[in-house]
Amino acid sequence: MAAGQRLICAAGELADGGKGVRFTVDREGRAIPAFAIRYRGRAYAYINECGHVPAELDWQPGEFFDLSGLYLICAIHGALYAPDSGRCLGGRCQGRGLKPLPVQETDGNLFLMLENNDG
């Protein structure tokens, strides 16, 4: 059950297949890196951690897509992920996908939908 929402960014900050927005979520008292991207007109958010090892994906701050703008890529391992599901598509992720976070676009803004202990 959702306990509220937290602003991530203005929805217009996310270009389709372009630069993402980094933010953090609180999990068990720790700030965990996360990111939001837009793909085919819809916003998605994930924990910023490769399925292979706990390393952040972006090769430059906010750069999560490969050069085609069609796949999310781990800068360290080259693992490819589907932007709309976080599913592992190939590489060292070995079937382990990204961990999605619930987001909602409302009134021109993107919000993280908070659950118990999120923030």
Protein backbone atom coordinates (compact mmCIF):
# COMPACT_ATOMS: atom_id res chain seq x y z
CA MET A 1 0.00 0.00 0.00
CA ALA A 2 1.42 3.36 -1.03
CA ALA A 3 2.11 5.80 1.76
CA GLY A 4 2.65 8.86 -0.44
CA GLN A 5 4.86 10.22 -3.14
CA ARG A 6 8.11 12.12 -3.56
CA LEU A 7 9.05 14.44 -6.41
CA ILE A 8 11.86 13.12 -8.61
CA CYS A 9 11.91 15.79 -11.34
CA ALA A 10 9.85 17.75 -13.82
CA ALA A 11 8.57 15.28 -16.42
CA GLY A 12 10.06 17.43 -19.20
CA GLU A 13 13.58 16.75 -17.89
CA LEU A 14 13.37 13.22 -19.31
CA ALA A 15 13.85 13.01 -23.08
CA ASP A 16 12.86 9.80 -24.83
CA GLY A 17 15.96 7.58 -25.01
CA GLY A 18 18.04 10.42 -23.56
CA LYS A 19 19.69 11.41 -20.34
CA GLY A 20 18.14 10.13 -17.14
CA VAL A 21 17.75 11.70 -13.73
CA ARG A 22 19.60 10.28 -10.73
CA PHE A 23 18.01 10.27 -7.27
CA THR A 24 18.17 8.18 -4.10
CA VAL A 25 15.72 6.02 -2.19
CA ASP A 26 16.00 5.17 1.47
CA ARG A 27 16.16 1.48 2.25
CA GLU A 28 16.71 0.33 5.80
CA GLY A 29 18.32 3.65 6.74
CA ARG A 30 20.63 3.78 3.70
CA ALA A 31 20.47 6.08 0.69
CA ILE A 32 20.41 3.80 -2.37
CA PRO A 33 21.17 5.27 -5.84
CA ALA A 34 18.32 5.13 -8.34
CA PHE A 35 17.45 6.65 -11.70
CA ALA A 36 14.52 7.59 -13.91
CA ILE A 37 14.44 7.49 -17.72
CA ARG A 38 11.89 7.93 -20.49
CA TYR A 39 11.37 5.30 -23.16
CA ARG A 40 8.70 5.35 -25.87
CA GLY A 41 6.92 8.18 -24.12
CA ARG A 42 6.71 6.60 -20.69
CA ALA A 43 8.82 7.18 -17.57
CA TYR A 44 10.47 4.29 -15.74
CA ALA A 45 12.66 4.15 -12.64
CA TYR A 46 15.10 1.57 -11.31
CA ILE A 47 17.61 1.01 -8.55
CA ASN A 48 20.95 2.06 -10.10
CA GLU A 49 22.64 -1.32 -9.79
CA CYS A 50 23.76 -3.79 -12.44
CA GLY A 51 22.27 -7.29 -12.19
CA HIS A 52 25.78 -8.76 -12.36
CA VAL A 53 27.49 -6.97 -9.45
CA PRO A 54 26.41 -3.98 -7.34
CA ALA A 55 27.86 -1.31 -9.65
CA GLU A 56 26.04 1.76 -10.94
CA LEU A 57 25.06 1.61 -14.61
CA ASP A 58 25.65 5.13 -15.91
CA TRP A 59 28.88 5.77 -17.80
CA GLN A 60 28.54 9.52 -17.14
CA PRO A 61 26.10 10.98 -14.62
CA GLY A 62 22.62 10.36 -16.02
CA GLU A 63 23.81 8.48 -19.15
CA PHE A 64 22.06 5.10 -18.98
CA PHE A 65 21.17 4.39 -22.62
CA ASP A 66 23.48 2.90 -25.20
CA LEU A 67 24.26 5.01 -28.27
CA SER A 68 21.11 3.80 -30.07
CA GLY A 69 18.85 5.04 -27.27
CA LEU A 70 17.08 1.66 -27.30
CA TYR A 71 18.75 -0.19 -24.42
CA LEU A 72 20.02 0.54 -20.93
CA ILE A 73 23.66 -0.51 -20.64
CA CYS A 74 26.04 -1.12 -17.76
CA ALA A 75 29.13 0.98 -18.38
CA ILE A 76 31.35 -1.49 -16.55
CA HIS A 77 30.12 -4.85 -17.84
CA GLY A 78 28.24 -4.03 -21.05
CA ALA A 79 25.12 -5.83 -19.83
CA LEU A 80 22.00 -4.73 -21.74
CA TYR A 81 18.59 -4.17 -20.18
CA ALA A 82 15.13 -3.45 -21.59
CA PRO A 83 14.22 0.16 -20.66
CA ASP A 84 10.52 -0.67 -20.22
CA SER A 85 10.94 -3.66 -17.88
CA GLY A 86 14.54 -3.77 -16.63
CA ARG A 87 14.79 -7.31 -18.02
CA CYS A 88 18.30 -8.58 -18.79
CA LEU A 89 18.73 -8.82 -22.57
CA GLY A 90 22.33 -10.00 -22.67
CA GLY A 91 25.80 -9.75 -21.24
CA ARG A 92 26.99 -10.49 -17.77
CA CYS A 93 23.62 -9.85 -16.10
CA GLN A 94 22.93 -13.59 -16.67
CA GLY A 95 19.17 -13.19 -16.53
CA ARG A 96 19.14 -10.89 -13.48
CA GLY A 97 17.27 -7.72 -14.32
CA LEU A 98 17.11 -4.27 -12.82
CA LYS A 99 14.94 -3.61 -9.76
CA PRO A 100 12.02 -1.37 -10.77
CA LEU A 101 10.64 1.46 -8.69
CA PRO A 102 7.01 2.65 -8.97
CA VAL A 103 6.68 6.11 -10.54
CA GLN A 104 3.78 8.24 -11.69
CA GLU A 105 3.57 11.34 -13.86
CA THR A 106 1.14 13.93 -12.51
CA ASP A 107 0.74 17.62 -13.37
CA GLY A 108 3.97 17.76 -15.38
CA ASN A 109 6.09 16.13 -12.68
CA LEU A 110 7.48 12.64 -12.07
CA PHE A 111 6.90 11.20 -8.62
CA LEU A 112 8.30 8.18 -6.83
CA MET A 113 5.40 6.30 -5.27
CA LEU A 114 6.48 5.63 -1.69
CA GLU A 115 5.87 2.41 0.13
CA ASN A 116 6.75 1.51 3.69
CA ASN A 117 10.33 2.65 4.48
CA ASP A 118 10.90 4.26 1.04
CA GLY A 119 11.85 7.87 0.70
